[in-house]
Amino acid sequence: MNNSVTLKIDAQTKDKIIDFYQDFKIDSTENYVIFVAKYENVVIKIYANKKGEFKALFSGENALKEAQIFDENASLNITKEKINEGWIDELDQIGSDEVGVGDLFGPTVVVACFVSTNDIPYLKSLGVNDSKKLTEEKILTIAPLLMERLPYSSLTMSNQKLNEMLEIGEKKLALEAKMHNCAQLNVLNKINKCVPIYLDQFLNPSTYYKYLENDTIVPNLYFKAKGESYYPSIACSSIIARYIFLARMNELNEKYNVQFPLGAGQKVDEFLDDFLKSHSLEETKNLVKAHFVNFKNKVENVDKD
């Protein structure tokens, strides 16, 4: 499976991507291609047209995760297959999803939950859908209802912990795989019966299993890109995870008396500049995903000064 993600980007984001992958640059003679890099399993290409417009193409098994560094709303390119407009399995099931991986600020949250056939009418009455398609107000309303009704497990990794793990050589996607597997196992132990388990796919199954080769792995695991559109268990996990993520962000907002921005775009860059004027680089590092280009650029600028 060759995943790919295409982003329409402005000149500033173009420069960020080139800077981020500069050490992995490779030669190319393709027309309209101004930059090519190969980073681990992903090839990154930047195209420029005659109008001065840019787009970035990420291709490879980890394409989505790399693209989400620059656009939290990035999604896999899907050809010929339309996004499903209804759940394809409404029988008993477990599903898991993650939130926060594309945000500079805020933790990584993974949630798995169990949905039974008897829950389906109730979920439909609530308007359950992928959390990305729901307003924040809707999520804050229905997530507590789901958490009260459905067996679930949530795991949260702070950015400080993530940074520490990456600094000792752990892989970001391996950490996420372990969080998903752990949450799934927790729910499986709660319900104590065999059901299919669905994972919102974020990397190839072979790589996922390689990261978990020393762990106990759940049985009956199925991978599906944009799984929240196909399975109610993933949709519910997505909503609960988003709710927990927003709660943690609210705690940060209250602690620092500011409104931390979501994502990793230009507004985040501007906020980061202002935040660093009144907070140390070390304190800020504990609040961000330090491998993001947004923060790396700030560190380099401080070092130059």
C-alpha atoms as a PDB file:
ATOM      1  CA  MET A   1       0.000   0.000   0.000  1.00  0.00           C
ATOM      2  CA  ASN A   2       1.532   3.312  -1.119  1.00  0.00           C
ATOM      3  CA  ASN A   3      -0.119   6.071   0.888  1.00  0.00           C
ATOM      4  CA  SER A   4       0.030   9.602  -0.442  1.00  0.00           C
ATOM      5  CA  VAL A   5      -1.032  13.039   0.758  1.00  0.00           C
ATOM      6  CA  THR A   6      -1.201  16.215  -1.301  1.00  0.00           C
ATOM      7  CA  LEU A   7      -1.111  19.648   0.345  1.00  0.00           C
ATOM      8  CA  LYS A   8      -1.724  23.006  -1.265  1.00  0.00           C
ATOM      9  CA  ILE A   9       0.862  25.233   0.410  1.00  0.00           C
ATOM     10  CA  ASP A  10       1.929  28.850   0.475  1.00  0.00           C
ATOM     11  CA  ALA A  11       5.487  30.114   0.031  1.00  0.00           C
ATOM     12  CA  GLN A  12       6.107  30.179   3.790  1.00  0.00           C
ATOM     13  CA  THR A  13       5.072  26.538   4.252  1.00  0.00           C
ATOM     14  CA  LYS A  14       7.093  25.615   1.178  1.00  0.00           C
ATOM     15  CA  ASP A  15      10.183  27.079   2.831  1.00  0.00           C
ATOM     16  CA  LYS A  16       9.397  25.259   6.097  1.00  0.00           C
ATOM     17  CA  ILE A  17       9.160  21.895   4.351  1.00  0.00           C
ATOM     18  CA  ILE A  18      12.394  22.459   2.416  1.00  0.00           C
ATOM     19  CA  ASP A  19      14.196  23.501   5.596  1.00  0.00           C
ATOM     20  CA  PHE A  20      12.806  20.559   7.562  1.00  0.00           C
ATOM     21  CA  TYR A  21      13.950  17.937   5.027  1.00  0.00           C
ATOM     22  CA  GLN A  22      17.052  19.713   3.678  1.00  0.00           C
ATOM     23  CA  ASP A  23      19.415  17.082   5.043  1.00  0.00           C
ATOM     24  CA  PHE A  24      17.489  14.380   3.147  1.00  0.00           C
ATOM     25  CA  LYS A  25      17.361  16.124  -0.237  1.00  0.00           C
ATOM     26  CA  ILE A  26      17.797  13.999  -3.388  1.00  0.00           C
ATOM     27  CA  ASP A  27      18.194  14.971  -7.045  1.00  0.00           C
ATOM     28  CA  SER A  28      15.265  15.136  -9.442  1.00  0.00           C
ATOM     29  CA  THR A  29      14.727  16.103 -13.098  1.00  0.00           C
ATOM     30  CA  GLU A  30      10.916  16.067 -13.016  1.00  0.00           C
ATOM     31  CA  ASN A  31       9.143  19.021 -14.557  1.00  0.00           C
ATOM     32  CA  TYR A  32       7.815  21.593 -12.093  1.00  0.00           C
ATOM     33  CA  VAL A  33       9.450  19.790  -9.156  1.00  0.00           C
ATOM     34  CA  ILE A  34      11.591  22.242  -7.177  1.00  0.00           C
ATOM     35  CA  PHE A  35      12.522  20.009  -4.236  1.00  0.00           C
ATOM     36  CA  VAL A  36      12.642  16.290  -3.481  1.00  0.00           C
ATOM     37  CA  ALA A  37      13.658  14.551  -0.276  1.00  0.00           C
ATOM     38  CA  LYS A  38      13.482  11.018   1.050  1.00  0.00           C
ATOM     39  CA  TYR A  39      13.003  10.713   4.783  1.00  0.00           C
ATOM     40  CA  GLU A  40      12.764   7.176   6.178  1.00  0.00           C
ATOM     41  CA  ASN A  41       9.827   5.635   4.254  1.00  0.00           C
ATOM     42  CA  VAL A  42       8.468   8.865   2.779  1.00  0.00           C
ATOM     43  CA  VAL A  43       9.303  10.757  -0.405  1.00  0.00           C
ATOM     44  CA  ILE A  44       8.495  14.472  -0.255  1.00  0.00           C
ATOM     45  CA  LYS A  45       8.123  16.484  -3.461  1.00  0.00           C
ATOM     46  CA  ILE A  46       7.298  20.160  -3.855  1.00  0.00           C
ATOM     47  CA  TYR A  47       5.791  21.352  -7.128  1.00  0.00           C
ATOM     48  CA  ALA A  48       5.566  24.924  -8.452  1.00  0.00           C
ATOM     49  CA  ASN A  49       3.395  25.993 -11.372  1.00  0.00           C
ATOM     50  CA  LYS A  50       3.708  28.984 -13.696  1.00  0.00           C
ATOM     51  CA  LYS A  51       1.341  30.994 -11.501  1.00  0.00           C
ATOM     52  CA  GLY A  52       3.712  30.755  -8.563  1.00  0.00           C
ATOM     53  CA  GLU A  53       1.474  28.304  -6.676  1.00  0.00           C
ATOM     54  CA  PHE A  54       2.929  25.417  -4.688  1.00  0.00           C
ATOM     55  CA  LYS A  55       1.847  21.951  -3.609  1.00  0.00           C
ATOM     56  CA  ALA A  56       3.598  19.250  -1.629  1.00  0.00           C
ATOM     57  CA  LEU A  57       3.224  15.535  -2.246  1.00  0.00           C
ATOM     58  CA  PHE A  58       4.075  13.088   0.527  1.00  0.00           C
ATOM     59  CA  SER A  59       4.160   9.437  -0.543  1.00  0.00           C
ATOM     60  CA  GLY A  60       5.036   6.293   1.378  1.00  0.00           C
ATOM     61  CA  GLU A  61       3.749   4.328   4.322  1.00  0.00           C
ATOM     62  CA  ASN A  62       4.151   7.188   6.826  1.00  0.00           C
ATOM     63  CA  ALA A  63       3.024   9.918   4.427  1.00  0.00           C
ATOM     64  CA  LEU A  64       0.056  11.045   6.505  1.00  0.00           C
ATOM     65  CA  LYS A  65       2.034  11.542   9.707  1.00  0.00           C
ATOM     66  CA  GLU A  66       4.703  13.585   7.947  1.00  0.00           C
ATOM     67  CA  ALA A  67       2.109  15.741   6.156  1.00  0.00           C
ATOM     68  CA  GLN A  68       0.257  16.407   9.415  1.00  0.00           C
ATOM     69  CA  ILE A  69       3.361  18.157  10.756  1.00  0.00           C
ATOM     70  CA  PHE A  70       2.554  20.954   8.332  1.00  0.00           C
ATOM     71  CA  ASP A  71      -1.248  20.657   8.136  1.00  0.00           C
ATOM     72  CA  GLU A  72      -3.244  19.068  10.971  1.00  0.00           C
ATOM     73  CA  ASN A  73      -6.166  18.483   8.587  1.00  0.00           C
ATOM     74  CA  ALA A  74      -4.104  16.550   6.047  1.00  0.00           C
ATOM     75  CA  SER A  75      -5.709  13.340   4.828  1.00  0.00           C
ATOM     76  CA  LEU A  76      -4.742  10.439   2.598  1.00  0.00           C
ATOM     77  CA  ASN A  77      -5.434  10.738  -1.104  1.00  0.00           C
ATOM     78  CA  ILE A  78      -8.197   8.346  -2.043  1.00  0.00           C
ATOM     79  CA  THR A  79      -8.677   7.275  -5.637  1.00  0.00           C
ATOM     80  CA  LYS A  80     -11.788   5.658  -7.084  1.00  0.00           C
ATOM     81  CA  GLU A  81     -13.135   4.891  -3.615  1.00  0.00           C
ATOM     82  CA  LYS A  82     -15.522   7.464  -2.184  1.00  0.00           C
ATOM     83  CA  ILE A  83     -15.692   8.137   1.515  1.00  0.00           C
ATOM     84  CA  ASN A  84     -18.381   5.952   3.010  1.00  0.00           C
ATOM     85  CA  GLU A  85     -21.561   7.735   4.022  1.00  0.00           C
ATOM     86  CA  GLY A  86     -22.710   5.047   6.446  1.00  0.00           C
ATOM     87  CA  TRP A  87     -21.172   2.545   8.829  1.00  0.00           C
ATOM     88  CA  ILE A  88     -20.358  -0.769   7.186  1.00  0.00           C
ATOM     89  CA  ASP A  89     -20.343  -2.739  10.437  1.00  0.00           C
ATOM     90  CA  GLU A  90     -22.862  -2.138  13.202  1.00  0.00           C
ATOM     91  CA  LEU A  91     -22.161  -5.335  15.147  1.00  0.00           C
ATOM     92  CA  ASP A  92     -20.226  -5.544  18.419  1.00  0.00           C
ATOM     93  CA  GLN A  93     -16.753  -4.060  17.965  1.00  0.00           C
ATOM     94  CA  ILE A  94     -13.805  -2.157  19.429  1.00  0.00           C
ATOM     95  CA  GLY A  95     -12.194   0.777  17.645  1.00  0.00           C
ATOM     96  CA  SER A  96      -9.402   3.227  18.418  1.00  0.00           C
ATOM     97  CA  ASP A  97      -8.306   6.651  17.225  1.00  0.00           C
ATOM     98  CA  GLU A  98      -5.822   9.363  18.198  1.00  0.00           C
ATOM     99  CA  VAL A  99      -5.928  13.148  18.525  1.00  0.00           C
ATOM    100  CA  GLY A 100      -3.238  15.795  18.921  1.00  0.00           C
ATOM    101  CA  VAL A 101      -0.539  14.395  16.650  1.00  0.00           C
ATOM    102  CA  GLY A 102      -0.743  17.414  14.336  1.00  0.00           C
ATOM    103  CA  ASP A 103      -0.843  20.062  17.071  1.00  0.00           C
ATOM    104  CA  LEU A 104       2.323  21.801  18.234  1.00  0.00           C
ATOM    105  CA  PHE A 105       0.744  22.381  21.649  1.00  0.00           C
ATOM    106  CA  GLY A 106      -1.322  19.828  23.518  1.00  0.00           C
ATOM    107  CA  PRO A 107      -0.811  16.125  24.266  1.00  0.00           C
ATOM    108  CA  THR A 108      -1.243  13.033  22.137  1.00  0.00           C
ATOM    109  CA  VAL A 109      -4.436  11.266  23.162  1.00  0.00           C
ATOM    110  CA  VAL A 110      -5.387   7.734  22.123  1.00  0.00           C
ATOM    111  CA  VAL A 111      -8.800   6.264  22.916  1.00  0.00           C
ATOM    112  CA  ALA A 112     -10.285   2.837  22.294  1.00  0.00           C
ATOM    113  CA  CYS A 113     -13.905   2.003  23.013  1.00  0.00           C
ATOM    114  CA  PHE A 114     -16.424  -0.808  22.680  1.00  0.00           C
ATOM    115  CA  VAL A 115     -19.675  -0.342  20.792  1.00  0.00           C
ATOM    116  CA  SER A 116     -22.403  -2.987  20.799  1.00  0.00           C
ATOM    117  CA  THR A 117     -25.156  -3.478  18.274  1.00  0.00           C
ATOM    118  CA  ASN A 118     -27.615  -2.228  20.888  1.00  0.00           C
ATOM    119  CA  ASP A 119     -25.738   1.092  21.087  1.00  0.00           C
ATOM    120  CA  ILE A 120     -26.175   1.955  17.413  1.00  0.00           C
ATOM    121  CA  PRO A 121     -29.637   3.609  17.574  1.00  0.00           C
ATOM    122  CA  TYR A 122     -28.483   5.741  20.504  1.00  0.00           C
ATOM    123  CA  LEU A 123     -25.291   6.793  18.702  1.00  0.00           C
ATOM    124  CA  LYS A 124     -27.269   7.779  15.626  1.00  0.00           C
ATOM    125  CA  SER A 125     -29.679   9.799  17.765  1.00  0.00           C
ATOM    126  CA  LEU A 126     -26.695  11.759  19.118  1.00  0.00           C
ATOM    127  CA  GLY A 127     -25.371  12.454  15.635  1.00  0.00           C
ATOM    128  CA  VAL A 128     -22.110  10.628  16.217  1.00  0.00           C
ATOM    129  CA  ASN A 129     -19.616  11.238  13.471  1.00  0.00           C
ATOM    130  CA  ASP A 130     -15.896  11.805  13.076  1.00  0.00           C
ATOM    131  CA  SER A 131     -14.835  14.415  15.633  1.00  0.00           C
ATOM    132  CA  LYS A 132     -13.161  16.448  12.878  1.00  0.00           C
ATOM    133  CA  LYS A 133     -16.586  17.058  11.359  1.00  0.00           C
ATOM    134  CA  LEU A 134     -18.247  18.053  14.616  1.00  0.00           C
ATOM    135  CA  THR A 135     -18.178  21.460  16.240  1.00  0.00           C
ATOM    136  CA  GLU A 136     -16.359  21.835  19.527  1.00  0.00           C
ATOM    137  CA  GLU A 137     -19.694  22.565  21.193  1.00  0.00           C
ATOM    138  CA  LYS A 138     -21.153  19.303  19.863  1.00  0.00           C
ATOM    139  CA  ILE A 139     -18.156  17.314  21.066  1.00  0.00           C
ATOM    140  CA  LEU A 140     -18.386  18.827  24.539  1.00  0.00           C
ATOM    141  CA  THR A 141     -22.056  17.851  24.640  1.00  0.00           C
ATOM    142  CA  ILE A 142     -22.017  14.263  23.417  1.00  0.00           C
ATOM    143  CA  ALA A 143     -18.601  13.002  24.568  1.00  0.00           C
ATOM    144  CA  PRO A 144     -19.591  12.791  28.282  1.00  0.00           C
ATOM    145  CA  LEU A 145     -22.669  10.797  27.243  1.00  0.00           C
ATOM    146  CA  LEU A 146     -20.498   8.364  25.296  1.00  0.00           C
ATOM    147  CA  MET A 147     -18.010   8.075  28.158  1.00  0.00           C
ATOM    148  CA  GLU A 148     -20.828   7.224  30.558  1.00  0.00           C
ATOM    149  CA  ARG A 149     -22.357   4.575  28.289  1.00  0.00           C
ATOM    150  CA  LEU A 150     -19.436   2.915  26.473  1.00  0.00           C
ATOM    151  CA  PRO A 151     -16.543   0.899  27.925  1.00  0.00           C
ATOM    152  CA  TYR A 152     -13.440   2.821  26.895  1.00  0.00           C
ATOM    153  CA  SER A 153      -9.764   3.348  27.667  1.00  0.00           C
ATOM    154  CA  SER A 154      -7.821   6.578  27.173  1.00  0.00           C
ATOM    155  CA  LEU A 155      -4.067   7.109  27.159  1.00  0.00           C
ATOM    156  CA  THR A 156      -2.484  10.565  27.159  1.00  0.00           C
ATOM    157  CA  MET A 157       1.157  11.362  26.449  1.00  0.00           C
ATOM    158  CA  SER A 158       2.328  14.854  27.352  1.00  0.00           C
ATOM    159  CA  ASN A 159       4.652  16.668  24.994  1.00  0.00           C
ATOM    160  CA  GLN A 160       7.337  16.674  27.672  1.00  0.00           C
ATOM    161  CA  LYS A 161       7.205  12.868  27.831  1.00  0.00           C
ATOM    162  CA  LEU A 162       7.076  12.592  24.028  1.00  0.00           C
ATOM    163  CA  ASN A 163      10.176  14.767  23.700  1.00  0.00           C
ATOM    164  CA  GLU A 164      12.024  12.701  26.281  1.00  0.00           C
ATOM    165  CA  MET A 165      11.189   9.464  24.471  1.00  0.00           C
ATOM    166  CA  LEU A 166      12.243  10.837  21.083  1.00  0.00           C
ATOM    167  CA  GLU A 167      15.520  12.104  22.542  1.00  0.00           C
ATOM    168  CA  ILE A 168      16.460   8.582  23.672  1.00  0.00           C
ATOM    169  CA  GLY A 169      15.780   7.172  20.199  1.00  0.00           C
ATOM    170  CA  GLU A 170      12.144   6.051  20.335  1.00  0.00           C
ATOM    171  CA  LYS A 171      10.144   6.493  17.133  1.00  0.00           C
ATOM    172  CA  LYS A 172       7.060   8.683  17.269  1.00  0.00           C
ATOM    173  CA  LEU A 173       4.912   6.235  15.301  1.00  0.00           C
ATOM    174  CA  ALA A 174       6.102   3.336  17.439  1.00  0.00           C
ATOM    175  CA  LEU A 175       4.938   5.188  20.550  1.00  0.00           C
ATOM    176  CA  GLU A 176       1.535   5.795  18.956  1.00  0.00           C
ATOM    177  CA  ALA A 177       1.250   2.136  17.936  1.00  0.00           C
ATOM    178  CA  LYS A 178       1.978   1.049  21.509  1.00  0.00           C
ATOM    179  CA  MET A 179      -0.644   3.477  22.847  1.00  0.00           C
ATOM    180  CA  HIS A 180      -3.285   2.115  20.460  1.00  0.00           C
ATOM    181  CA  ASN A 181      -2.466  -1.489  21.301  1.00  0.00           C
ATOM    182  CA  CYS A 182      -2.532  -0.805  25.044  1.00  0.00           C
ATOM    183  CA  ALA A 183      -5.882   1.003  24.887  1.00  0.00           C
ATOM    184  CA  GLN A 184      -7.364  -1.798  22.770  1.00  0.00           C
ATOM    185  CA  LEU A 185      -6.133  -4.431  25.227  1.00  0.00           C
ATOM    186  CA  ASN A 186      -7.615  -2.485  28.133  1.00  0.00           C
ATOM    187  CA  VAL A 187     -11.051  -2.407  26.521  1.00  0.00           C
ATOM    188  CA  LEU A 188     -10.819  -6.045  25.469  1.00  0.00           C
ATOM    189  CA  ASN A 189     -10.149  -6.986  29.101  1.00  0.00           C
ATOM    190  CA  LYS A 190     -13.150  -4.926  30.227  1.00  0.00           C
ATOM    191  CA  ILE A 191     -15.654  -6.634  27.935  1.00  0.00           C
ATOM    192  CA  ASN A 192     -14.006 -10.081  28.122  1.00  0.00           C
ATOM    193  CA  LYS A 193     -15.264 -11.348  24.767  1.00  0.00           C
ATOM    194  CA  CYS A 194     -13.882 -11.732  21.264  1.00  0.00           C
ATOM    195  CA  VAL A 195     -14.899  -8.979  18.833  1.00  0.00           C
ATOM    196  CA  PRO A 196     -13.309  -7.382  15.778  1.00  0.00           C
ATOM    197  CA  ILE A 197     -11.027  -4.449  16.545  1.00  0.00           C
ATOM    198  CA  TYR A 198     -10.753  -1.567  14.093  1.00  0.00           C
ATOM    199  CA  LEU A 199      -7.873   0.880  13.893  1.00  0.00           C
ATOM    200  CA  ASP A 200      -7.950   4.197  12.074  1.00  0.00           C
ATOM    201  CA  GLN A 201      -4.928   3.441   9.905  1.00  0.00           C
ATOM    202  CA  PHE A 202      -1.939   5.738  10.331  1.00  0.00           C
ATOM    203  CA  LEU A 203       0.789   3.449   8.966  1.00  0.00           C
ATOM    204  CA  ASN A 204       1.171   0.160   7.152  1.00  0.00           C
ATOM    205  CA  PRO A 205       0.141  -2.971   9.089  1.00  0.00           C
ATOM    206  CA  SER A 206       3.584  -4.546   8.607  1.00  0.00           C
ATOM    207  CA  THR A 207       5.266  -1.550  10.255  1.00  0.00           C
ATOM    208  CA  TYR A 208       2.645  -1.425  12.999  1.00  0.00           C
ATOM    209  CA  TYR A 209       3.252  -5.063  13.919  1.00  0.00           C
ATOM    210  CA  LYS A 210       7.018  -4.571  13.751  1.00  0.00           C
ATOM    211  CA  TYR A 211       6.776  -1.816  16.346  1.00  0.00           C
ATOM    212  CA  LEU A 212       4.825  -4.193  18.604  1.00  0.00           C
ATOM    213  CA  GLU A 213       6.902  -7.319  18.078  1.00  0.00           C
ATOM    214  CA  ASN A 214       7.797  -7.493  21.784  1.00  0.00           C
ATOM    215  CA  ASP A 215       4.265  -6.718  23.041  1.00  0.00           C
ATOM    216  CA  THR A 216       1.062  -8.695  23.476  1.00  0.00           C
ATOM    217  CA  ILE A 217      -1.027  -7.749  20.457  1.00  0.00           C
ATOM    218  CA  VAL A 218      -4.812  -7.776  20.276  1.00  0.00           C
ATOM    219  CA  PRO A 219      -6.370 -10.408  17.977  1.00  0.00           C
ATOM    220  CA  ASN A 220      -8.807  -9.723  15.128  1.00  0.00           C
ATOM    221  CA  LEU A 221      -7.293  -6.340  14.281  1.00  0.00           C
ATOM    222  CA  TYR A 222      -8.344  -4.583  11.070  1.00  0.00           C
ATOM    223  CA  PHE A 223      -6.877  -1.413   9.557  1.00  0.00           C
ATOM    224  CA  LYS A 224      -8.935   1.164   7.676  1.00  0.00           C
ATOM    225  CA  ALA A 225      -7.972   4.626   6.428  1.00  0.00           C
ATOM    226  CA  LYS A 226     -10.552   7.213   7.495  1.00  0.00           C
ATOM    227  CA  GLY A 227     -12.004   4.477   9.680  1.00  0.00           C
ATOM    228  CA  GLU A 228     -14.212   6.940  11.591  1.00  0.00           C
ATOM    229  CA  SER A 229     -16.430   7.069   8.507  1.00  0.00           C
ATOM    230  CA  TYR A 230     -16.836   3.300   8.427  1.00  0.00           C
ATOM    231  CA  TYR A 231     -16.975   2.086  12.025  1.00  0.00           C
ATOM    232  CA  PRO A 232     -18.961   3.557  14.927  1.00  0.00           C
ATOM    233  CA  SER A 233     -16.342   2.420  17.461  1.00  0.00           C
ATOM    234  CA  ILE A 234     -13.664   4.544  15.777  1.00  0.00           C
ATOM    235  CA  ALA A 235     -16.058   7.491  15.456  1.00  0.00           C
ATOM    236  CA  CYS A 236     -16.832   7.338  19.181  1.00  0.00           C
ATOM    237  CA  SER A 237     -13.159   6.968  20.084  1.00  0.00           C
ATOM    238  CA  SER A 238     -12.380  10.010  17.955  1.00  0.00           C
ATOM    239  CA  ILE A 239     -14.979  12.105  19.777  1.00  0.00           C
ATOM    240  CA  ILE A 240     -13.867  11.011  23.251  1.00  0.00           C
ATOM    241  CA  ALA A 241     -10.204  11.589  22.384  1.00  0.00           C
ATOM    242  CA  ARG A 242     -10.984  15.071  21.095  1.00  0.00           C
ATOM    243  CA  TYR A 243     -12.924  15.842  24.262  1.00  0.00           C
ATOM    244  CA  ILE A 244      -9.998  14.796  26.462  1.00  0.00           C
ATOM    245  CA  PHE A 245      -7.587  16.757  24.284  1.00  0.00           C
ATOM    246  CA  LEU A 246      -9.727  19.920  24.507  1.00  0.00           C
ATOM    247  CA  ALA A 247      -9.939  19.509  28.283  1.00  0.00           C
ATOM    248  CA  ARG A 248      -6.142  19.372  28.545  1.00  0.00           C
ATOM    249  CA  MET A 249      -5.845  22.426  26.300  1.00  0.00           C
ATOM    250  CA  ASN A 250      -8.292  24.278  28.522  1.00  0.00           C
ATOM    251  CA  GLU A 251      -6.139  23.441  31.547  1.00  0.00           C
ATOM    252  CA  LEU A 252      -3.139  24.945  29.745  1.00  0.00           C
ATOM    253  CA  ASN A 253      -5.130  28.033  28.811  1.00  0.00           C
ATOM    254  CA  GLU A 254      -6.132  28.587  32.426  1.00  0.00           C
ATOM    255  CA  LYS A 255      -2.633  27.918  33.783  1.00  0.00           C
ATOM    256  CA  TYR A 256      -0.955  30.431  31.478  1.00  0.00           C
ATOM    257  CA  ASN A 257      -3.947  32.759  31.057  1.00  0.00           C
ATOM    258  CA  VAL A 258      -3.667  32.611  27.260  1.00  0.00           C
ATOM    259  CA  GLN A 259      -5.495  30.856  24.437  1.00  0.00           C
ATOM    260  CA  PHE A 260      -3.123  28.294  22.981  1.00  0.00           C
ATOM    261  CA  PRO A 261      -3.775  27.866  19.241  1.00  0.00           C
ATOM    262  CA  LEU A 262      -4.436  24.462  17.695  1.00  0.00           C
ATOM    263  CA  GLY A 263      -2.604  22.992  14.731  1.00  0.00           C
ATOM    264  CA  ALA A 264       0.826  24.019  13.493  1.00  0.00           C
ATOM    265  CA  GLY A 265       0.202  26.816  11.001  1.00  0.00           C
ATOM    266  CA  GLN A 266       1.110  30.473  10.757  1.00  0.00           C
ATOM    267  CA  LYS A 267      -1.030  31.490  13.741  1.00  0.00           C
ATOM    268  CA  VAL A 268       0.911  29.015  15.856  1.00  0.00           C
ATOM    269  CA  ASP A 269       4.205  30.522  14.669  1.00  0.00           C
ATOM    270  CA  GLU A 270       3.017  33.999  15.619  1.00  0.00           C
ATOM    271  CA  PHE A 271       1.794  32.804  19.014  1.00  0.00           C
ATOM    272  CA  LEU A 272       5.102  31.031  19.635  1.00  0.00           C
ATOM    273  CA  ASP A 273       7.023  34.246  18.971  1.00  0.00           C
ATOM    274  CA  ASP A 274       4.929  36.108  21.547  1.00  0.00           C
ATOM    275  CA  PHE A 275       5.044  33.266  24.085  1.00  0.00           C
ATOM    276  CA  LEU A 276       8.847  33.083  23.955  1.00  0.00           C
ATOM    277  CA  LYS A 277       9.074  36.760  24.860  1.00  0.00           C
ATOM    278  CA  SER A 278       7.787  35.987  28.356  1.00  0.00           C
ATOM    279  CA  HIS A 279       8.749  32.317  28.834  1.00  0.00           C
ATOM    280  CA  SER A 280      12.065  30.497  28.622  1.00  0.00           C
ATOM    281  CA  LEU A 281      12.969  28.213  25.761  1.00  0.00           C
ATOM    282  CA  GLU A 282      13.191  25.268  28.168  1.00  0.00           C
ATOM    283  CA  GLU A 283       9.732  25.880  29.627  1.00  0.00           C
ATOM    284  CA  THR A 284       8.283  26.289  26.154  1.00  0.00           C
ATOM    285  CA  LYS A 285       9.937  23.067  24.993  1.00  0.00           C
ATOM    286  CA  ASN A 286       8.017  21.129  27.636  1.00  0.00           C
ATOM    287  CA  LEU A 287       4.749  22.429  26.168  1.00  0.00           C
ATOM    288  CA  VAL A 288       5.406  21.676  22.504  1.00  0.00           C
ATOM    289  CA  LYS A 289       6.248  18.759  20.234  1.00  0.00           C
ATOM    290  CA  ALA A 290       9.884  19.739  19.898  1.00  0.00           C
ATOM    291  CA  HIS A 291      10.432  17.857  16.619  1.00  0.00           C
ATOM    292  CA  PHE A 292       7.955  20.154  14.827  1.00  0.00           C
ATOM    293  CA  VAL A 293       9.589  22.590  12.433  1.00  0.00           C
ATOM    294  CA  ASN A 294       7.791  25.495  14.153  1.00  0.00           C
ATOM    295  CA  PHE A 295       9.817  25.020  17.327  1.00  0.00           C
ATOM    296  CA  LYS A 296      13.031  23.831  15.678  1.00  0.00           C
ATOM    297  CA  ASN A 297      13.224  27.101  13.761  1.00  0.00           C
ATOM    298  CA  LYS A 298      12.894  29.075  17.002  1.00  0.00           C
ATOM    299  CA  VAL A 299      15.682  27.066  18.623  1.00  0.00           C
ATOM    300  CA  GLU A 300      17.978  27.667  15.652  1.00  0.00           C
ATOM    301  CA  ASN A 301      17.265  31.396  15.752  1.00  0.00           C
ATOM    302  CA  VAL A 302      18.040  31.558  19.480  1.00  0.00           C
ATOM    303  CA  ASP A 303      21.296  29.661  18.937  1.00  0.00           C
ATOM    304  CA  LYS A 304      22.320  32.096  16.195  1.00  0.00           C
ATOM    305  CA  ASP A 305      21.624  35.056  18.459  1.00  0.00           C
END
